[in-house]
PDB file of N, CA and C in Angstrom:
ATOM      1  N   MET A   1     104.371  92.465 107.299  1.00  0.00           N
ATOM      2  CA  MET A   1     104.610  91.621 106.186  1.00  0.00           C
ATOM      3  C   MET A   1     105.374  92.443 105.191  1.00  0.00           C
ATOM      4  N   ALA A   2     106.401  91.936 104.591  1.00  0.00           N
ATOM      5  CA  ALA A   2     107.167  92.626 103.572  1.00  0.00           C
ATOM      6  C   ALA A   2     107.192  91.835 102.241  1.00  0.00           C
ATOM      7  N   LEU A   3     107.206  92.544 101.152  1.00  0.00           N
ATOM      8  CA  LEU A   3     107.324  91.882  99.825  1.00  0.00           C
ATOM      9  C   LEU A   3     108.560  92.389  99.151  1.00  0.00           C
ATOM     10  N   HIS A   4     109.620  91.601  99.094  1.00  0.00           N
ATOM     11  CA  HIS A   4     110.922  91.969  98.456  1.00  0.00           C
ATOM     12  C   HIS A   4     110.921  91.543  96.992  1.00  0.00           C
ATOM     13  N   GLY A   5     111.805  92.237  96.200  1.00  0.00           N
ATOM     14  CA  GLY A   5     111.921  91.805  94.852  1.00  0.00           C
ATOM     15  C   GLY A   5     110.877  92.364  93.914  1.00  0.00           C
ATOM     16  N   ALA A   6     110.153  93.411  94.367  1.00  0.00           N
ATOM     17  CA  ALA A   6     109.031  93.892  93.510  1.00  0.00           C
ATOM     18  C   ALA A   6     109.301  95.395  93.166  1.00  0.00           C
ATOM     19  N   ALA A   7     110.325  95.607  92.350  1.00  0.00           N
ATOM     20  CA  ALA A   7     110.738  97.027  91.998  1.00  0.00           C
ATOM     21  C   ALA A   7     109.716  97.571  91.040  1.00  0.00           C
ATOM     22  N   GLY A   8     109.731  98.896  90.900  1.00  0.00           N
ATOM     23  CA  GLY A   8     108.767  99.511  90.067  1.00  0.00           C
ATOM     24  C   GLY A   8     109.276  99.919  88.676  1.00  0.00           C
ATOM     25  N   GLY A   9     108.346 100.215  87.671  1.00  0.00           N
ATOM     26  CA  GLY A   9     108.681 100.708  86.411  1.00  0.00           C
ATOM     27  C   GLY A   9     109.473  99.760  85.498  1.00  0.00           C
ATOM     28  N   ALA A  10     110.274 100.366  84.662  1.00  0.00           N
ATOM     29  CA  ALA A  10     111.046  99.525  83.629  1.00  0.00           C
ATOM     30  C   ALA A  10     111.991  98.575  84.316  1.00  0.00           C
ATOM     31  N   GLN A  11     112.489  98.963  85.452  1.00  0.00           N
ATOM     32  CA  GLN A  11     113.400  97.993  86.141  1.00  0.00           C
ATOM     33  C   GLN A  11     112.623  96.792  86.515  1.00  0.00           C
ATOM     34  N   ALA A  12     111.420  96.800  86.964  1.00  0.00           N
ATOM     35  CA  ALA A  12     110.624  95.600  87.304  1.00  0.00           C
ATOM     36  C   ALA A  12     110.475  94.812  86.040  1.00  0.00           C
ATOM     37  N   ALA A  13     110.090  95.333  84.953  1.00  0.00           N
ATOM     38  CA  ALA A  13     109.803  94.624  83.700  1.00  0.00           C
ATOM     39  C   ALA A  13     111.071  93.875  83.270  1.00  0.00           C
ATOM     40  N   ALA A  14     112.199  94.541  83.414  1.00  0.00           N
ATOM     41  CA  ALA A  14     113.439  93.950  82.983  1.00  0.00           C
ATOM     42  C   ALA A  14     113.791  92.733  83.855  1.00  0.00           C
ATOM     43  N   ARG A  15     113.423  92.779  85.140  1.00  0.00           N
ATOM     44  CA  ARG A  15     113.749  91.702  86.010  1.00  0.00           C
ATOM     45  C   ARG A  15     112.670  90.620  86.264  1.00  0.00           C
ATOM     46  N   ARG A  16     111.495  90.930  85.728  1.00  0.00           N
ATOM     47  CA  ARG A  16     110.394  90.043  85.981  1.00  0.00           C
ATOM     48  C   ARG A  16     110.608  88.502  85.784  1.00  0.00           C
ATOM     49  N   ALA A  17     111.358  88.242  84.726  1.00  0.00           N
ATOM     50  CA  ALA A  17     111.602  86.771  84.425  1.00  0.00           C
ATOM     51  C   ALA A  17     112.329  86.157  85.511  1.00  0.00           C
ATOM     52  N   ARG A  18     113.229  86.828  86.280  1.00  0.00           N
ATOM     53  CA  ARG A  18     114.075  86.249  87.253  1.00  0.00           C
ATOM     54  C   ARG A  18     113.778  86.619  88.737  1.00  0.00           C
ATOM     55  N   ALA A  19     112.822  87.607  88.827  1.00  0.00           N
ATOM     56  CA  ALA A  19     112.557  88.059  90.199  1.00  0.00           C
ATOM     57  C   ALA A  19     111.807  87.003  90.990  1.00  0.00           C
ATOM     58  N   VAL A  20     112.166  86.917  92.237  1.00  0.00           N
ATOM     59  CA  VAL A  20     111.534  86.034  93.166  1.00  0.00           C
ATOM     60  C   VAL A  20     111.050  86.801  94.375  1.00  0.00           C
ATOM     61  N   PRO A  21     109.567  87.030  94.502  1.00  0.00           N
ATOM     62  CA  PRO A  21     109.118  87.839  95.599  1.00  0.00           C
ATOM     63  C   PRO A  21     109.386  86.998  96.867  1.00  0.00           C
ATOM     64  N   ARG A  22     109.678  87.679  97.961  1.00  0.00           N
ATOM     65  CA  ARG A  22     109.877  87.016  99.235  1.00  0.00           C
ATOM     66  C   ARG A  22     108.899  87.562 100.274  1.00  0.00           C
ATOM     67  N   VAL A  23     108.253  86.718 100.937  1.00  0.00           N
ATOM     68  CA  VAL A  23     107.228  87.114 101.868  1.00  0.00           C
ATOM     69  C   VAL A  23     107.759  86.866 103.303  1.00  0.00           C
ATOM     70  N   HIS A  24     107.829  87.913 104.074  1.00  0.00           N
ATOM     71  CA  HIS A  24     108.289  87.816 105.478  1.00  0.00           C
ATOM     72  C   HIS A  24     107.119  87.367 106.330  1.00  0.00           C
ATOM     73  N   LEU A  25     107.316  86.612 107.364  1.00  0.00           N
ATOM     74  CA  LEU A  25     106.217  86.147 108.164  1.00  0.00           C
ATOM     75  C   LEU A  25     106.129  86.685 109.577  1.00  0.00           C
ATOM     76  N   PRO A  26     106.144  87.935 109.782  1.00  0.00           N
ATOM     77  CA  PRO A  26     106.126  88.393 111.175  1.00  0.00           C
ATOM     78  C   PRO A  26     104.805  88.138 111.920  1.00  0.00           C
ATOM     79  N   ALA A  27     103.659  88.038 111.208  1.00  0.00           N
ATOM     80  CA  ALA A  27     102.412  87.693 111.811  1.00  0.00           C
ATOM     81  C   ALA A  27     102.430  86.294 112.476  1.00  0.00           C
ATOM     82  N   LEU A  28     102.968  85.314 111.826  1.00  0.00           N
ATOM     83  CA  LEU A  28     103.108  83.994 112.379  1.00  0.00           C
ATOM     84  C   LEU A  28     104.050  84.032 113.563  1.00  0.00           C
ATOM     85  N   GLN A  29     105.043  84.844 113.545  1.00  0.00           N
ATOM     86  CA  GLN A  29     105.921  84.896 114.671  1.00  0.00           C
ATOM     87  C   GLN A  29     105.403  85.616 115.876  1.00  0.00           C
ATOM     88  N   THR A  30     104.427  86.549 115.630  1.00  0.00           N
ATOM     89  CA  THR A  30     103.880  87.285 116.742  1.00  0.00           C
ATOM     90  C   THR A  30     102.533  86.850 117.178  1.00  0.00           C
ATOM     91  N   GLY A  31     101.948  85.848 116.538  1.00  0.00           N
ATOM     92  CA  GLY A  31     100.664  85.209 117.002  1.00  0.00           C
ATOM     93  C   GLY A  31      99.530  86.036 116.459  1.00  0.00           C
ATOM     94  N   LYS A  32      99.607  86.674 115.372  1.00  0.00           N
ATOM     95  CA  LYS A  32      98.468  87.359 114.778  1.00  0.00           C
ATOM     96  C   LYS A  32      97.431  86.332 114.303  1.00  0.00           C
ATOM     97  N   ASP A  33      96.189  86.817 113.959  1.00  0.00           N
ATOM     98  CA  ASP A  33      95.206  85.937 113.559  1.00  0.00           C
ATOM     99  C   ASP A  33      95.600  85.187 112.293  1.00  0.00           C
ATOM    100  N   VAL A  34      95.588  83.891 112.417  1.00  0.00           N
ATOM    101  CA  VAL A  34      96.026  83.011 111.248  1.00  0.00           C
ATOM    102  C   VAL A  34      95.114  83.196 110.008  1.00  0.00           C
ATOM    103  N   THR A  35      93.804  83.336 110.214  1.00  0.00           N
ATOM    104  CA  THR A  35      92.910  83.504 109.154  1.00  0.00           C
ATOM    105  C   THR A  35      93.212  84.795 108.370  1.00  0.00           C
ATOM    106  N   GLU A  36      93.579  85.838 109.035  1.00  0.00           N
ATOM    107  CA  GLU A  36      94.042  87.135 108.417  1.00  0.00           C
ATOM    108  C   GLU A  36      95.278  86.918 107.677  1.00  0.00           C
ATOM    109  N   GLN A  37      96.271  86.270 108.301  1.00  0.00           N
ATOM    110  CA  GLN A  37      97.509  85.984 107.668  1.00  0.00           C
ATOM    111  C   GLN A  37      97.373  85.060 106.389  1.00  0.00           C
ATOM    112  N   LYS A  38      96.565  84.061 106.483  1.00  0.00           N
ATOM    113  CA  LYS A  38      96.304  83.252 105.316  1.00  0.00           C
ATOM    114  C   LYS A  38      95.838  83.936 104.080  1.00  0.00           C
ATOM    115  N   ARG A  39      94.801  84.844 104.443  1.00  0.00           N
ATOM    116  CA  ARG A  39      94.172  85.687 103.337  1.00  0.00           C
ATOM    117  C   ARG A  39      95.201  86.548 102.757  1.00  0.00           C
ATOM    118  N   ILE A  40      96.002  87.239 103.491  1.00  0.00           N
ATOM    119  CA  ILE A  40      97.001  88.149 102.951  1.00  0.00           C
ATOM    120  C   ILE A  40      98.059  87.370 102.122  1.00  0.00           C
ATOM    121  N   GLU A  41      98.518  86.296 102.607  1.00  0.00           N
ATOM    122  CA  GLU A  41      99.509  85.576 101.815  1.00  0.00           C
ATOM    123  C   GLU A  41      98.952  84.946 100.617  1.00  0.00           C
ATOM    124  N   GLU A  42      97.701  84.512 100.692  1.00  0.00           N
ATOM    125  CA  GLU A  42      97.057  84.028  99.421  1.00  0.00           C
ATOM    126  C   GLU A  42      96.995  85.032  98.359  1.00  0.00           C
ATOM    127  N   LYS A  43      96.672  86.236  98.742  1.00  0.00           N
ATOM    128  CA  LYS A  43      96.585  87.378  97.803  1.00  0.00           C
ATOM    129  C   LYS A  43      97.878  87.625  97.106  1.00  0.00           C
ATOM    130  N   ILE A  44      98.979  87.693  97.976  1.00  0.00           N
ATOM    131  CA  ILE A  44     100.290  87.912  97.470  1.00  0.00           C
ATOM    132  C   ILE A  44     100.766  86.861  96.544  1.00  0.00           C
ATOM    133  N   ARG A  45     100.422  85.602  96.875  1.00  0.00           N
ATOM    134  CA  ARG A  45     100.716  84.414  96.031  1.00  0.00           C
ATOM    135  C   ARG A  45     100.015  84.566  94.737  1.00  0.00           C
ATOM    136  N   HIS A  46      98.687  84.901  94.768  1.00  0.00           N
ATOM    137  CA  HIS A  46      97.994  84.972  93.494  1.00  0.00           C
ATOM    138  C   HIS A  46      98.483  86.051  92.687  1.00  0.00           C
ATOM    139  N   MET A  47      98.873  87.263  93.227  1.00  0.00           N
ATOM    140  CA  MET A  47      99.448  88.385  92.464  1.00  0.00           C
ATOM    141  C   MET A  47     100.764  87.838  91.817  1.00  0.00           C
ATOM    142  N   ALA A  48     101.558  87.196  92.517  1.00  0.00           N
ATOM    143  CA  ALA A  48     102.868  86.865  91.994  1.00  0.00           C
ATOM    144  C   ALA A  48     102.645  85.763  90.918  1.00  0.00           C
ATOM    145  N   HIS A  49     101.790  84.823  91.117  1.00  0.00           N
ATOM    146  CA  HIS A  49     101.506  83.827  90.108  1.00  0.00           C
ATOM    147  C   HIS A  49     101.002  84.412  88.847  1.00  0.00           C
ATOM    148  N   SER A  50     100.160  85.541  88.906  1.00  0.00           N
ATOM    149  CA  SER A  50      99.614  86.107  87.729  1.00  0.00           C
ATOM    150  C   SER A  50     100.652  86.808  86.972  1.00  0.00           C
ATOM    151  N   LEU A  51     101.781  87.132  87.607  1.00  0.00           N
ATOM    152  CA  LEU A  51     102.898  87.711  86.860  1.00  0.00           C
ATOM    153  C   LEU A  51     103.978  86.710  86.492  1.00  0.00           C
ATOM    154  N   GLY A  52     103.629  85.412  86.710  1.00  0.00           N
ATOM    155  CA  GLY A  52     104.620  84.378  86.411  1.00  0.00           C
ATOM    156  C   GLY A  52     105.734  84.232  87.305  1.00  0.00           C
ATOM    157  N   LEU A  53     105.665  84.750  88.621  1.00  0.00           N
ATOM    158  CA  LEU A  53     106.705  84.690  89.539  1.00  0.00           C
ATOM    159  C   LEU A  53     106.573  83.581  90.581  1.00  0.00           C
ATOM    160  N   THR A  54     107.638  83.264  91.235  1.00  0.00           N
ATOM    161  CA  THR A  54     107.627  82.181  92.243  1.00  0.00           C
ATOM    162  C   THR A  54     107.661  82.999  93.637  1.00  0.00           C
ATOM    163  N   VAL A  55     107.030  82.454  94.600  1.00  0.00           N
ATOM    164  CA  VAL A  55     106.923  83.116  95.974  1.00  0.00           C
ATOM    165  C   VAL A  55     107.766  82.265  96.918  1.00  0.00           C
ATOM    166  N   VAL A  56     108.693  82.972  97.549  1.00  0.00           N
ATOM    167  CA  VAL A  56     109.527  82.400  98.630  1.00  0.00           C
ATOM    168  C   VAL A  56     109.266  82.999  99.952  1.00  0.00           C
ATOM    169  N   ALA A  57     108.806  82.321 100.975  1.00  0.00           N
ATOM    170  CA  ALA A  57     108.587  82.922 102.263  1.00  0.00           C
ATOM    171  C   ALA A  57     109.872  83.079 103.074  1.00  0.00           C
ATOM    172  N   GLU A  58     110.065  84.106 103.711  1.00  0.00           N
ATOM    173  CA  GLU A  58     111.200  84.331 104.642  1.00  0.00           C
ATOM    174  C   GLU A  58     110.803  84.275 106.011  1.00  0.00           C
ATOM    175  N   GLY A  59     111.837  84.046 106.867  1.00  0.00           N
ATOM    176  CA  GLY A  59     111.539  84.020 108.299  1.00  0.00           C
ATOM    177  C   GLY A  59     110.974  82.782 108.881  1.00  0.00           C
ATOM    178  N   VAL A  60     111.049  81.674 108.147  1.00  0.00           N
ATOM    179  CA  VAL A  60     110.536  80.334 108.637  1.00  0.00           C
ATOM    180  C   VAL A  60     111.468  79.839 109.733  1.00  0.00           C
ATOM    181  N   GLU A  61     110.838  79.668 110.906  1.00  0.00           N
ATOM    182  CA  GLU A  61     111.668  79.096 112.008  1.00  0.00           C
ATOM    183  C   GLU A  61     111.143  77.897 112.627  1.00  0.00           C
ATOM    184  N   THR A  62     110.005  77.515 112.301  1.00  0.00           N
ATOM    185  CA  THR A  62     109.386  76.249 112.886  1.00  0.00           C
ATOM    186  C   THR A  62     108.799  75.369 111.872  1.00  0.00           C
ATOM    187  N   ALA A  63     108.569  74.110 112.244  1.00  0.00           N
ATOM    188  CA  ALA A  63     107.933  73.068 111.311  1.00  0.00           C
ATOM    189  C   ALA A  63     106.546  73.555 111.142  1.00  0.00           C
ATOM    190  N   GLY A  64     105.892  74.055 112.208  1.00  0.00           N
ATOM    191  CA  GLY A  64     104.415  74.536 112.013  1.00  0.00           C
ATOM    192  C   GLY A  64     104.294  75.555 110.965  1.00  0.00           C
ATOM    193  N   GLN A  65     105.271  76.564 110.949  1.00  0.00           N
ATOM    194  CA  GLN A  65     105.223  77.645 109.937  1.00  0.00           C
ATOM    195  C   GLN A  65     105.371  77.047 108.543  1.00  0.00           C
ATOM    196  N   LEU A  66     106.262  76.107 108.391  1.00  0.00           N
ATOM    197  CA  LEU A  66     106.427  75.457 107.147  1.00  0.00           C
ATOM    198  C   LEU A  66     105.243  74.643 106.677  1.00  0.00           C
ATOM    199  N   ALA A  67     104.642  73.901 107.642  1.00  0.00           N
ATOM    200  CA  ALA A  67     103.389  73.267 107.286  1.00  0.00           C
ATOM    201  C   ALA A  67     102.250  74.226 106.834  1.00  0.00           C
ATOM    202  N   PHE A  68     102.122  75.239 107.469  1.00  0.00           N
ATOM    203  CA  PHE A  68     101.157  76.330 107.146  1.00  0.00           C
ATOM    204  C   PHE A  68     101.390  76.846 105.806  1.00  0.00           C
ATOM    205  N   LEU A  69     102.708  77.075 105.356  1.00  0.00           N
ATOM    206  CA  LEU A  69     103.009  77.632 103.999  1.00  0.00           C
ATOM    207  C   LEU A  69     102.797  76.499 102.950  1.00  0.00           C
ATOM    208  N   LYS A  70     102.978  75.223 103.354  1.00  0.00           N
ATOM    209  CA  LYS A  70     102.660  74.152 102.270  1.00  0.00           C
ATOM    210  C   LYS A  70     101.117  74.087 102.118  1.00  0.00           C
ATOM    211  N   LEU A  71     100.302  74.355 103.170  1.00  0.00           N
ATOM    212  CA  LEU A  71      98.884  74.478 102.964  1.00  0.00           C
ATOM    213  C   LEU A  71      98.515  75.564 102.069  1.00  0.00           C
ATOM    214  N   LEU A  72      99.274  76.640 102.118  1.00  0.00           N
ATOM    215  CA  LEU A  72      98.860  77.821 101.252  1.00  0.00           C
ATOM    216  C   LEU A  72      99.383  77.552  99.771  1.00  0.00           C
ATOM    217  N   GLY A  73     100.232  76.593  99.646  1.00  0.00           N
ATOM    218  CA  GLY A  73     100.778  76.289  98.273  1.00  0.00           C
ATOM    219  C   GLY A  73     101.964  77.152  97.940  1.00  0.00           C
ATOM    220  N   CYS A  74     102.723  77.643  98.989  1.00  0.00           N
ATOM    221  CA  CYS A  74     103.943  78.403  98.840  1.00  0.00           C
ATOM    222  C   CYS A  74     105.015  77.566  98.195  1.00  0.00           C
ATOM    223  N   GLU A  75     105.633  77.935  97.138  1.00  0.00           N
ATOM    224  CA  GLU A  75     106.771  77.204  96.421  1.00  0.00           C
ATOM    225  C   GLU A  75     108.047  77.144  97.233  1.00  0.00           C
ATOM    226  N   GLY A  76     108.358  78.047  98.008  1.00  0.00           N
ATOM    227  CA  GLY A  76     109.710  78.058  98.695  1.00  0.00           C
ATOM    228  C   GLY A  76     109.689  78.737 100.023  1.00  0.00           C
ATOM    229  N   ALA A  77     110.718  78.464 100.722  1.00  0.00           N
ATOM    230  CA  ALA A  77     110.789  79.183 102.090  1.00  0.00           C
ATOM    231  C   ALA A  77     112.320  79.193 102.482  1.00  0.00           C
ATOM    232  N   GLN A  78     112.570  80.081 103.275  1.00  0.00           N
ATOM    233  CA  GLN A  78     113.963  80.251 103.883  1.00  0.00           C
ATOM    234  C   GLN A  78     113.878  80.755 105.281  1.00  0.00           C
ATOM    235  N   GLY A  79     114.781  80.430 106.120  1.00  0.00           N
ATOM    236  CA  GLY A  79     114.869  80.871 107.538  1.00  0.00           C
ATOM    237  C   GLY A  79     115.604  79.954 108.278  1.00  0.00           C
ATOM    238  N   TYR A  80     115.658  80.210 109.643  1.00  0.00           N
ATOM    239  CA  TYR A  80     116.526  79.488 110.568  1.00  0.00           C
ATOM    240  C   TYR A  80     115.976  78.009 110.709  1.00  0.00           C
ATOM    241  N   PHE A  81     114.728  77.671 110.331  1.00  0.00           N
ATOM    242  CA  PHE A  81     114.365  76.242 110.289  1.00  0.00           C
ATOM    243  C   PHE A  81     115.212  75.374 109.482  1.00  0.00           C
ATOM    244  N   PHE A  82     115.744  76.086 108.373  1.00  0.00           N
ATOM    245  CA  PHE A  82     116.555  75.291 107.419  1.00  0.00           C
ATOM    246  C   PHE A  82     118.011  75.419 107.726  1.00  0.00           C
ATOM    247  N   SER A  83     118.469  76.632 108.080  1.00  0.00           N
ATOM    248  CA  SER A  83     119.858  76.935 108.502  1.00  0.00           C
ATOM    249  C   SER A  83     119.968  78.316 109.040  1.00  0.00           C
ATOM    250  N   LYS A  84     120.886  78.509 109.943  1.00  0.00           N
ATOM    251  CA  LYS A  84     121.294  79.869 110.257  1.00  0.00           C
ATOM    252  C   LYS A  84     122.151  80.460 109.164  1.00  0.00           C
ATOM    253  N   PRO A  85     122.263  81.793 109.085  1.00  0.00           N
ATOM    254  CA  PRO A  85     123.121  82.270 107.986  1.00  0.00           C
ATOM    255  C   PRO A  85     124.579  81.705 108.181  1.00  0.00           C
ATOM    256  N   VAL A  86     125.233  81.402 107.007  1.00  0.00           N
ATOM    257  CA  VAL A  86     126.538  80.826 107.045  1.00  0.00           C
ATOM    258  C   VAL A  86     127.463  81.728 106.070  1.00  0.00           C
ATOM    259  N   PRO A  87     128.767  81.786 106.452  1.00  0.00           N
ATOM    260  CA  PRO A  87     129.700  82.500 105.581  1.00  0.00           C
ATOM    261  C   PRO A  87     129.802  81.807 104.141  1.00  0.00           C
ATOM    262  N   ALA A  88     130.108  82.572 103.179  1.00  0.00           N
ATOM    263  CA  ALA A  88     130.147  82.019 101.772  1.00  0.00           C
ATOM    264  C   ALA A  88     131.006  80.765 101.691  1.00  0.00           C
ATOM    265  N   ALA A  89     132.139  80.753 102.497  1.00  0.00           N
ATOM    266  CA  ALA A  89     133.045  79.598 102.465  1.00  0.00           C
ATOM    267  C   ALA A  89     132.407  78.350 102.903  1.00  0.00           C
ATOM    268  N   GLU A  90     131.300  78.451 103.684  1.00  0.00           N
ATOM    269  CA  GLU A  90     130.715  77.230 104.275  1.00  0.00           C
ATOM    270  C   GLU A  90     129.473  76.796 103.500  1.00  0.00           C
ATOM    271  N   ILE A  91     129.131  77.405 102.395  1.00  0.00           N
ATOM    272  CA  ILE A  91     127.971  77.054 101.628  1.00  0.00           C
ATOM    273  C   ILE A  91     128.050  75.637 101.070  1.00  0.00           C
ATOM    274  N   GLY A  92     129.289  75.190 100.591  1.00  0.00           N
ATOM    275  CA  GLY A  92     129.492  73.861 100.137  1.00  0.00           C
ATOM    276  C   GLY A  92     129.200  72.832 101.062  1.00  0.00           C
ATOM    277  N   THR A  93     129.597  73.038 102.369  1.00  0.00           N
ATOM    278  CA  THR A  93     129.320  72.119 103.425  1.00  0.00           C
ATOM    279  C   THR A  93     127.830  72.086 103.704  1.00  0.00           C
ATOM    280  N   LEU A  94     127.123  73.240 103.704  1.00  0.00           N
ATOM    281  CA  LEU A  94     125.650  73.288 103.930  1.00  0.00           C
ATOM    282  C   LEU A  94     124.979  72.506 102.850  1.00  0.00           C
ATOM    283  N   LEU A  95     125.367  72.680 101.530  1.00  0.00           N
ATOM    284  CA  LEU A  95     124.575  72.045 100.430  1.00  0.00           C
ATOM    285  C   LEU A  95     124.957  70.554 100.426  1.00  0.00           C
ATOM    286  N   ARG A  96     126.075  70.049 100.844  1.00  0.00           N
ATOM    287  CA  ARG A  96     126.381  68.668 100.852  1.00  0.00           C
ATOM    288  C   ARG A  96     125.375  67.956 101.864  1.00  0.00           C
ATOM    289  N   GLY A  97     125.017  68.711 102.895  1.00  0.00           N
ATOM    290  CA  GLY A  97     124.088  68.095 103.933  1.00  0.00           C
ATOM    291  C   GLY A  97     122.679  68.421 103.633  1.00  0.00           C
ATOM    292  N   TRP A  98     122.331  68.851 102.416  1.00  0.00           N
ATOM    293  CA  TRP A  98     121.003  69.247 102.063  1.00  0.00           C
ATOM    294  C   TRP A  98     119.961  68.125 102.299  1.00  0.00           C
ATOM    295  N   LYS A  99     118.813  68.476 102.812  1.00  0.00           N
ATOM    296  CA  LYS A  99     117.707  67.481 103.128  1.00  0.00           C
ATOM    297  C   LYS A  99     116.998  67.058 101.884  1.00  0.00           C
ATOM    298  N   PRO A 100     116.748  65.758 101.792  1.00  0.00           N
ATOM    299  CA  PRO A 100     115.947  65.292 100.605  1.00  0.00           C
ATOM    300  C   PRO A 100     114.680  66.064 100.472  1.00  0.00           C
ATOM    301  N   GLY A 101     114.190  66.315  99.236  1.00  0.00           N
ATOM    302  CA  GLY A 101     113.015  67.062  98.998  1.00  0.00           C
ATOM    303  C   GLY A 101     113.165  68.549  99.007  1.00  0.00           C
ATOM    304  N   LEU A 102     114.286  69.051  99.467  1.00  0.00           N
ATOM    305  CA  LEU A 102     114.477  70.573  99.411  1.00  0.00           C
ATOM    306  C   LEU A 102     115.339  70.823  98.176  1.00  0.00           C
ATOM    307  N   ARG A 103     115.110  72.011  97.700  1.00  0.00           N
ATOM    308  CA  ARG A 103     115.839  72.502  96.445  1.00  0.00           C
ATOM    309  C   ARG A 103     116.117  73.944  96.611  1.00  0.00           C
ATOM    310  N   LEU A 104     117.069  74.319  95.794  1.00  0.00           N
ATOM    311  CA  LEU A 104     117.395  75.767  95.790  1.00  0.00           C
ATOM    312  C   LEU A 104     116.433  76.545  94.848  1.00  0.00           C
ATOM    313  N   VAL A 105     115.866  77.670  95.215  1.00  0.00           N
ATOM    314  CA  VAL A 105     114.963  78.376  94.456  1.00  0.00           C
ATOM    315  C   VAL A 105     115.819  79.332  93.598  1.00  0.00           C
ATOM    316  N   GLY A 106     115.539  79.473  92.308  1.00  0.00           N
ATOM    317  CA  GLY A 106     116.257  80.316  91.497  1.00  0.00           C
ATOM    318  C   GLY A 106     117.608  79.793  90.958  1.00  0.00           C
ATOM    319  N   ALA A 107     117.915  78.573  91.321  1.00  0.00           N
ATOM    320  CA  ALA A 107     119.171  77.916  90.820  1.00  0.00           C
ATOM    321  C   ALA A 107     119.013  77.320  89.479  1.00  0.00           C
TER     322      ALA A 107
END
């Protein structure tokens, strides 16, 4: 599991208002114990919320992973389940086909 967007010192304080921690989900992808994964992700989410931050899960590839994150109360997710990486020139096309109920985090 990785937590991105959590710099140290004064740099973190300066970016805290706009920082978005991202939680990568290797345990879900490799079949680790879901109870352990849930406990870890709940702690990360609690820590982020106590700092006034939003949590975005990375590496979401299946509807099952997304459902699990919704049960945890995760505010956002990204990964191949939503779209493969696209060149900047294709972002407009991707956004025009955006699914109802989805939103851009940090926009």
